[in-house]
Amino acid sequence: MPSYAAHPGVDAYIAGLPAWQRGICQQLRDLAHEADPEVEETVKRTVQPYFVLQGNICALLATKDHVNLFLYDGGLAPDPYGIITSGHANSTGRTISYYQGDVVPDGPLLDILRAVITDNRAGGWRRIKSRA
């Protein structure tokens, strides 16, 4: 039983996925909440699960053959383990793609999520970039 307030729309989104995608999405959901107990979940764009705390942190999107975790970090969160798979030149966010059989690296992902949350609490990546 999760220790966070589950959004029924996020529950429904995950429940409608194939078993392997449900597992990955649930693990990503749990990690988003583990990153900070104040993280809340919501649904945006009609069905897409988002995790927020003083701004967007990340979002889930299951596709035909993988699950994307969109990170709303403005390219600022460090990725010393190289787990971010795309969007490196994107000015608003990057993506980590997980395929069937992939292992989610809990520690490195928690580090990234916590960095995004820290930036959100400091006014968000847009404000941080404007000061640089």
N, C-alpha and C. Protein backbone atom coordinates (compact mmCIF):
# COMPACT_ATOMS: atom_id res chain seq x y z
N MET A 1 0.85 -1.19 0.00
CA MET A 1 0.00 0.00 0.00
C MET A 1 0.89 1.24 0.00
N PRO A 2 0.68 2.15 -0.96
CA PRO A 2 1.54 3.33 -1.04
C PRO A 2 1.32 4.27 0.15
N SER A 3 2.37 5.00 0.48
CA SER A 3 2.29 5.97 1.58
C SER A 3 2.00 7.36 1.05
N TYR A 4 1.53 7.46 -0.18
CA TYR A 4 1.22 8.74 -0.79
C TYR A 4 -0.23 8.74 -1.27
N ALA A 5 -0.74 9.93 -1.55
CA ALA A 5 -2.10 10.06 -2.06
C ALA A 5 -2.10 9.74 -3.55
N ALA A 6 -2.64 8.59 -3.90
CA ALA A 6 -2.70 8.17 -5.29
C ALA A 6 -3.83 8.89 -6.01
N HIS A 7 -3.55 9.37 -7.21
CA HIS A 7 -4.57 10.02 -8.04
C HIS A 7 -5.29 8.93 -8.82
N PRO A 8 -6.63 8.93 -8.80
CA PRO A 8 -7.36 7.87 -9.52
C PRO A 8 -7.06 7.83 -11.02
N GLY A 9 -6.77 8.97 -11.62
CA GLY A 9 -6.43 8.99 -13.03
C GLY A 9 -5.10 8.32 -13.31
N VAL A 10 -4.15 8.46 -12.40
CA VAL A 10 -2.85 7.79 -12.54
C VAL A 10 -3.04 6.29 -12.34
N ASP A 11 -3.86 5.92 -11.34
CA ASP A 11 -4.18 4.50 -11.14
C ASP A 11 -4.76 3.90 -12.41
N ALA A 12 -5.72 4.58 -13.02
CA ALA A 12 -6.39 4.08 -14.21
C ALA A 12 -5.41 3.96 -15.39
N TYR A 13 -4.54 4.96 -15.54
CA TYR A 13 -3.56 4.94 -16.63
C TYR A 13 -2.67 3.71 -16.51
N ILE A 14 -2.14 3.49 -15.32
CA ILE A 14 -1.22 2.37 -15.10
C ILE A 14 -1.96 1.04 -15.24
N ALA A 15 -3.17 0.95 -14.72
CA ALA A 15 -3.93 -0.29 -14.77
C ALA A 15 -4.22 -0.74 -16.20
N GLY A 16 -4.31 0.20 -17.13
CA GLY A 16 -4.62 -0.14 -18.51
C GLY A 16 -3.44 -0.59 -19.35
N LEU A 17 -2.28 -0.69 -18.76
CA LEU A 17 -1.06 -1.04 -19.50
C LEU A 17 -0.76 -2.53 -19.43
N PRO A 18 0.04 -3.04 -20.38
CA PRO A 18 0.52 -4.42 -20.27
C PRO A 18 1.34 -4.58 -18.98
N ALA A 19 1.42 -5.80 -18.48
CA ALA A 19 2.05 -6.06 -17.18
C ALA A 19 3.45 -5.48 -17.06
N TRP A 20 4.29 -5.63 -18.08
CA TRP A 20 5.66 -5.14 -17.96
C TRP A 20 5.70 -3.63 -17.85
N GLN A 21 4.80 -2.93 -18.57
CA GLN A 21 4.75 -1.47 -18.48
C GLN A 21 4.15 -1.03 -17.15
N ARG A 22 3.16 -1.77 -16.65
CA ARG A 22 2.60 -1.46 -15.33
C ARG A 22 3.70 -1.49 -14.28
N GLY A 23 4.54 -2.52 -14.34
CA GLY A 23 5.62 -2.65 -13.36
C GLY A 23 6.58 -1.48 -13.40
N ILE A 24 7.00 -1.10 -14.60
CA ILE A 24 7.93 0.02 -14.74
C ILE A 24 7.26 1.32 -14.28
N CYS A 25 6.04 1.56 -14.73
CA CYS A 25 5.34 2.80 -14.35
C CYS A 25 5.13 2.88 -12.85
N GLN A 26 4.77 1.76 -12.23
CA GLN A 26 4.56 1.78 -10.77
C GLN A 26 5.88 2.05 -10.05
N GLN A 27 6.97 1.48 -10.54
CA GLN A 27 8.27 1.73 -9.92
C GLN A 27 8.66 3.20 -10.07
N LEU A 28 8.45 3.77 -11.25
CA LEU A 28 8.76 5.18 -11.47
C LEU A 28 7.88 6.07 -10.60
N ARG A 29 6.62 5.71 -10.47
CA ARG A 29 5.69 6.45 -9.62
C ARG A 29 6.18 6.43 -8.17
N ASP A 30 6.53 5.25 -7.68
CA ASP A 30 7.01 5.12 -6.30
C ASP A 30 8.28 5.92 -6.08
N LEU A 31 9.18 5.92 -7.07
CA LEU A 31 10.43 6.67 -6.94
C LEU A 31 10.17 8.18 -6.92
N ALA A 32 9.22 8.64 -7.72
CA ALA A 32 8.88 10.07 -7.71
C ALA A 32 8.45 10.49 -6.31
N HIS A 33 7.67 9.66 -5.66
CA HIS A 33 7.22 9.98 -4.30
C HIS A 33 8.32 9.78 -3.27
N GLU A 34 9.20 8.82 -3.50
CA GLU A 34 10.32 8.60 -2.59
C GLU A 34 11.29 9.78 -2.64
N ALA A 35 11.39 10.42 -3.78
CA ALA A 35 12.31 11.55 -3.92
C ALA A 35 11.96 12.66 -2.94
N ASP A 36 10.67 12.83 -2.65
CA ASP A 36 10.24 13.83 -1.67
C ASP A 36 8.80 13.50 -1.27
N PRO A 37 8.52 13.43 0.02
CA PRO A 37 7.17 13.06 0.45
C PRO A 37 6.10 14.08 0.07
N GLU A 38 6.49 15.28 -0.34
CA GLU A 38 5.52 16.30 -0.72
C GLU A 38 5.12 16.24 -2.20
N VAL A 39 5.73 15.34 -2.96
CA VAL A 39 5.38 15.20 -4.38
C VAL A 39 3.91 14.80 -4.49
N GLU A 40 3.22 15.45 -5.41
CA GLU A 40 1.82 15.13 -5.69
C GLU A 40 1.73 14.63 -7.12
N GLU A 41 0.70 13.83 -7.37
CA GLU A 41 0.47 13.35 -8.73
C GLU A 41 -0.83 13.92 -9.24
N THR A 42 -0.85 14.10 -10.55
CA THR A 42 -2.02 14.63 -11.22
C THR A 42 -2.06 14.07 -12.63
N VAL A 43 -3.09 14.42 -13.36
CA VAL A 43 -3.20 14.03 -14.76
C VAL A 43 -3.32 15.30 -15.58
N LYS A 44 -2.50 15.41 -16.61
CA LYS A 44 -2.54 16.53 -17.54
C LYS A 44 -2.68 15.97 -18.95
N ARG A 45 -3.05 16.82 -19.88
CA ARG A 45 -3.21 16.38 -21.28
C ARG A 45 -4.19 15.21 -21.37
N THR A 46 -5.23 15.26 -20.60
CA THR A 46 -6.34 14.31 -20.54
C THR A 46 -6.01 13.03 -19.76
N VAL A 47 -4.88 12.37 -20.04
CA VAL A 47 -4.61 11.09 -19.38
C VAL A 47 -3.19 10.93 -18.84
N GLN A 48 -2.28 11.84 -19.14
CA GLN A 48 -0.87 11.61 -18.83
C GLN A 48 -0.55 11.90 -17.36
N PRO A 49 0.04 10.91 -16.65
CA PRO A 49 0.43 11.10 -15.26
C PRO A 49 1.61 12.08 -15.14
N TYR A 50 1.44 13.05 -14.25
CA TYR A 50 2.49 14.02 -13.92
C TYR A 50 2.75 13.98 -12.44
N PHE A 51 4.00 14.26 -12.08
CA PHE A 51 4.40 14.34 -10.68
C PHE A 51 4.93 15.75 -10.48
N VAL A 52 4.37 16.44 -9.49
CA VAL A 52 4.62 17.86 -9.33
C VAL A 52 4.97 18.21 -7.88
N LEU A 53 5.78 19.24 -7.75
CA LEU A 53 6.08 19.86 -6.46
C LEU A 53 6.67 21.23 -6.79
N GLN A 54 5.88 22.25 -6.60
CA GLN A 54 6.27 23.61 -6.97
C GLN A 54 6.68 23.68 -8.44
N GLY A 55 5.99 22.92 -9.26
CA GLY A 55 6.26 22.83 -10.69
C GLY A 55 6.34 21.38 -11.11
N ASN A 56 6.39 21.14 -12.40
CA ASN A 56 6.50 19.78 -12.92
C ASN A 56 7.86 19.19 -12.57
N ILE A 57 7.84 17.92 -12.19
CA ILE A 57 9.08 17.17 -11.96
C ILE A 57 9.28 16.21 -13.12
N CYS A 58 8.26 15.38 -13.35
CA CYS A 58 8.35 14.38 -14.41
C CYS A 58 6.96 13.93 -14.81
N ALA A 59 6.90 13.21 -15.93
CA ALA A 59 5.64 12.67 -16.45
C ALA A 59 5.92 11.31 -17.07
N LEU A 60 4.90 10.47 -17.10
CA LEU A 60 4.99 9.14 -17.70
C LEU A 60 4.25 9.11 -19.03
N LEU A 61 4.80 8.36 -19.97
CA LEU A 61 4.10 8.10 -21.21
C LEU A 61 4.48 6.71 -21.70
N ALA A 62 3.51 5.81 -21.70
CA ALA A 62 3.74 4.46 -22.21
C ALA A 62 3.45 4.46 -23.71
N THR A 63 4.38 3.91 -24.48
CA THR A 63 4.21 3.80 -25.92
C THR A 63 4.09 2.31 -26.27
N LYS A 64 4.06 2.00 -27.53
CA LYS A 64 3.88 0.60 -27.96
C LYS A 64 4.96 -0.31 -27.39
N ASP A 65 6.23 0.16 -27.39
CA ASP A 65 7.31 -0.75 -27.00
C ASP A 65 8.20 -0.24 -25.87
N HIS A 66 7.84 0.88 -25.25
CA HIS A 66 8.64 1.37 -24.13
C HIS A 66 7.84 2.34 -23.27
N VAL A 67 8.45 2.75 -22.17
CA VAL A 67 7.88 3.76 -21.28
C VAL A 67 8.86 4.93 -21.24
N ASN A 68 8.34 6.13 -21.47
CA ASN A 68 9.16 7.34 -21.35
C ASN A 68 8.90 8.00 -20.00
N LEU A 69 9.97 8.42 -19.36
CA LEU A 69 9.89 9.28 -18.19
C LEU A 69 10.43 10.63 -18.64
N PHE A 70 9.53 11.61 -18.75
CA PHE A 70 9.93 12.96 -19.16
C PHE A 70 10.36 13.72 -17.91
N LEU A 71 11.55 14.27 -17.94
CA LEU A 71 12.09 15.06 -16.83
C LEU A 71 11.99 16.53 -17.17
N TYR A 72 11.36 17.30 -16.33
CA TYR A 72 11.21 18.74 -16.56
C TYR A 72 12.28 19.48 -15.77
N ASP A 73 13.49 19.43 -16.31
CA ASP A 73 14.64 19.96 -15.58
C ASP A 73 15.38 21.07 -16.32
N GLY A 74 14.93 21.43 -17.51
CA GLY A 74 15.61 22.46 -18.26
C GLY A 74 17.04 22.09 -18.60
N GLY A 75 17.35 20.81 -18.54
CA GLY A 75 18.70 20.34 -18.83
C GLY A 75 19.68 20.58 -17.70
N LEU A 76 19.19 20.93 -16.52
CA LEU A 76 20.07 21.30 -15.41
C LEU A 76 20.46 20.15 -14.49
N ALA A 77 19.60 19.16 -14.33
CA ALA A 77 19.89 18.08 -13.38
C ALA A 77 21.10 17.28 -13.86
N PRO A 78 22.07 17.08 -12.98
CA PRO A 78 23.24 16.30 -13.38
C PRO A 78 22.87 14.84 -13.64
N ASP A 79 23.57 14.24 -14.58
CA ASP A 79 23.36 12.84 -14.95
C ASP A 79 24.71 12.13 -15.05
N PRO A 80 25.41 12.00 -13.92
CA PRO A 80 26.75 11.39 -13.99
C PRO A 80 26.74 9.91 -14.39
N TYR A 81 25.60 9.26 -14.28
CA TYR A 81 25.51 7.84 -14.64
C TYR A 81 25.08 7.63 -16.09
N GLY A 82 24.72 8.70 -16.78
CA GLY A 82 24.33 8.61 -18.18
C GLY A 82 23.03 7.86 -18.42
N ILE A 83 22.05 8.03 -17.52
CA ILE A 83 20.79 7.30 -17.69
C ILE A 83 19.77 8.05 -18.55
N ILE A 84 19.98 9.34 -18.78
CA ILE A 84 19.07 10.10 -19.63
C ILE A 84 19.35 9.71 -21.08
N THR A 85 18.30 9.28 -21.79
CA THR A 85 18.49 8.70 -23.11
C THR A 85 18.27 9.65 -24.27
N SER A 86 17.51 10.74 -24.06
CA SER A 86 17.30 11.66 -25.17
C SER A 86 16.91 13.04 -24.66
N GLY A 87 16.92 13.99 -25.59
CA GLY A 87 16.56 15.36 -25.26
C GLY A 87 17.71 16.18 -24.70
N HIS A 88 18.92 15.73 -24.91
CA HIS A 88 20.08 16.42 -24.34
C HIS A 88 20.19 17.87 -24.80
N ALA A 89 19.72 18.15 -25.99
CA ALA A 89 19.77 19.52 -26.50
C ALA A 89 18.46 20.27 -26.28
N ASN A 90 17.50 19.60 -25.65
CA ASN A 90 16.19 20.22 -25.39
C ASN A 90 16.33 21.26 -24.29
N SER A 91 15.72 22.40 -24.49
CA SER A 91 15.87 23.49 -23.52
C SER A 91 14.89 23.39 -22.34
N THR A 92 13.93 22.47 -22.39
CA THR A 92 12.96 22.37 -21.29
C THR A 92 13.04 21.05 -20.52
N GLY A 93 13.35 19.97 -21.18
CA GLY A 93 13.38 18.70 -20.47
C GLY A 93 14.05 17.61 -21.27
N ARG A 94 14.27 16.51 -20.59
CA ARG A 94 14.92 15.37 -21.22
C ARG A 94 14.11 14.11 -20.92
N THR A 95 14.50 13.00 -21.51
CA THR A 95 13.73 11.77 -21.41
C THR A 95 14.61 10.59 -21.05
N ILE A 96 14.03 9.69 -20.26
CA ILE A 96 14.64 8.38 -20.03
C ILE A 96 13.63 7.36 -20.56
N SER A 97 14.08 6.50 -21.47
CA SER A 97 13.22 5.47 -22.05
C SER A 97 13.55 4.11 -21.44
N TYR A 98 12.50 3.38 -21.07
CA TYR A 98 12.64 2.05 -20.50
C TYR A 98 11.91 1.05 -21.38
N TYR A 99 12.62 -0.02 -21.75
CA TYR A 99 12.06 -1.08 -22.58
C TYR A 99 11.84 -2.32 -21.74
N GLN A 100 11.04 -3.23 -22.25
CA GLN A 100 10.76 -4.46 -21.53
C GLN A 100 12.07 -5.13 -21.14
N GLY A 101 12.20 -5.49 -19.88
CA GLY A 101 13.40 -6.14 -19.37
C GLY A 101 14.43 -5.18 -18.81
N ASP A 102 14.28 -3.87 -19.06
CA ASP A 102 15.21 -2.89 -18.50
C ASP A 102 15.07 -2.81 -16.99
N VAL A 103 16.18 -2.51 -16.34
CA VAL A 103 16.20 -2.29 -14.90
C VAL A 103 16.22 -0.79 -14.65
N VAL A 104 15.34 -0.33 -13.79
CA VAL A 104 15.32 1.09 -13.42
C VAL A 104 16.37 1.30 -12.34
N PRO A 105 17.38 2.15 -12.60
CA PRO A 105 18.44 2.39 -11.61
C PRO A 105 17.95 3.36 -10.52
N ASP A 106 17.42 2.78 -9.44
CA ASP A 106 16.79 3.59 -8.39
C ASP A 106 17.65 4.74 -7.89
N GLY A 107 18.87 4.46 -7.47
CA GLY A 107 19.74 5.50 -6.89
C GLY A 107 20.01 6.65 -7.84
N PRO A 108 20.50 6.38 -9.05
CA PRO A 108 20.74 7.47 -9.99
C PRO A 108 19.48 8.26 -10.35
N LEU A 109 18.35 7.57 -10.52
CA LEU A 109 17.12 8.26 -10.84
C LEU A 109 16.65 9.12 -9.67
N LEU A 110 16.77 8.62 -8.46
CA LEU A 110 16.41 9.43 -7.29
C LEU A 110 17.26 10.70 -7.23
N ASP A 111 18.55 10.58 -7.53
CA ASP A 111 19.42 11.76 -7.54
C ASP A 111 18.90 12.81 -8.53
N ILE A 112 18.51 12.38 -9.73
CA ILE A 112 18.00 13.31 -10.74
C ILE A 112 16.68 13.94 -10.28
N LEU A 113 15.76 13.11 -9.79
CA LEU A 113 14.47 13.64 -9.34
C LEU A 113 14.65 14.64 -8.21
N ARG A 114 15.54 14.33 -7.28
CA ARG A 114 15.78 15.26 -6.17
C ARG A 114 16.41 16.56 -6.65
N ALA A 115 17.24 16.49 -7.67
CA ALA A 115 17.83 17.72 -8.24
C ALA A 115 16.74 18.58 -8.88
N VAL A 116 15.80 17.96 -9.58
CA VAL A 116 14.71 18.71 -10.19
C VAL A 116 13.86 19.37 -9.10
N ILE A 117 13.58 18.63 -8.03
CA ILE A 117 12.79 19.18 -6.92
C ILE A 117 13.52 20.34 -6.26
N THR A 118 14.82 20.20 -6.06
CA THR A 118 15.61 21.29 -5.48
C THR A 118 15.52 22.53 -6.35
N ASP A 119 15.64 22.35 -7.66
CA ASP A 119 15.53 23.49 -8.58
C ASP A 119 14.13 24.09 -8.54
N ASN A 120 13.10 23.24 -8.46
CA ASN A 120 11.73 23.76 -8.36
C ASN A 120 11.57 24.62 -7.11
N ARG A 121 12.13 24.17 -6.02
CA ARG A 121 12.02 24.92 -4.76
C ARG A 121 12.82 26.22 -4.80
N ALA A 122 13.79 26.28 -5.70
CA ALA A 122 14.59 27.50 -5.86
C ALA A 122 13.98 28.43 -6.90
N GLY A 123 12.75 28.16 -7.32
CA GLY A 123 12.08 29.02 -8.28
C GLY A 123 11.89 28.40 -9.65
N GLY A 124 12.44 27.21 -9.87
CA GLY A 124 12.29 26.52 -11.15
C GLY A 124 13.46 26.75 -12.07
N TRP A 125 13.61 25.84 -13.03
CA TRP A 125 14.77 25.90 -13.92
C TRP A 125 14.79 27.17 -14.77
N ARG A 126 13.63 27.70 -15.14
CA ARG A 126 13.61 28.92 -15.95
C ARG A 126 14.24 30.09 -15.19
N ARG A 127 13.88 30.22 -13.92
CA ARG A 127 14.45 31.30 -13.10
C ARG A 127 15.95 31.07 -12.88
N ILE A 128 16.33 29.84 -12.65
CA ILE A 128 17.74 29.53 -12.43
C ILE A 128 18.55 29.87 -13.68
N LYS A 129 18.04 29.47 -14.86
CA LYS A 129 18.75 29.77 -16.10
C LYS A 129 18.82 31.27 -16.38
N SER A 130 17.78 32.01 -16.01
CA SER A 130 17.78 33.46 -16.28
C SER A 130 18.79 34.19 -15.41
N ARG A 131 19.15 33.60 -14.28
CA ARG A 131 20.15 34.21 -13.39
C ARG A 131 21.58 33.89 -13.83
N ALA A 132 21.72 32.86 -14.65
CA ALA A 132 23.08 32.41 -15.04
C ALA A 132 23.70 33.33 -16.08
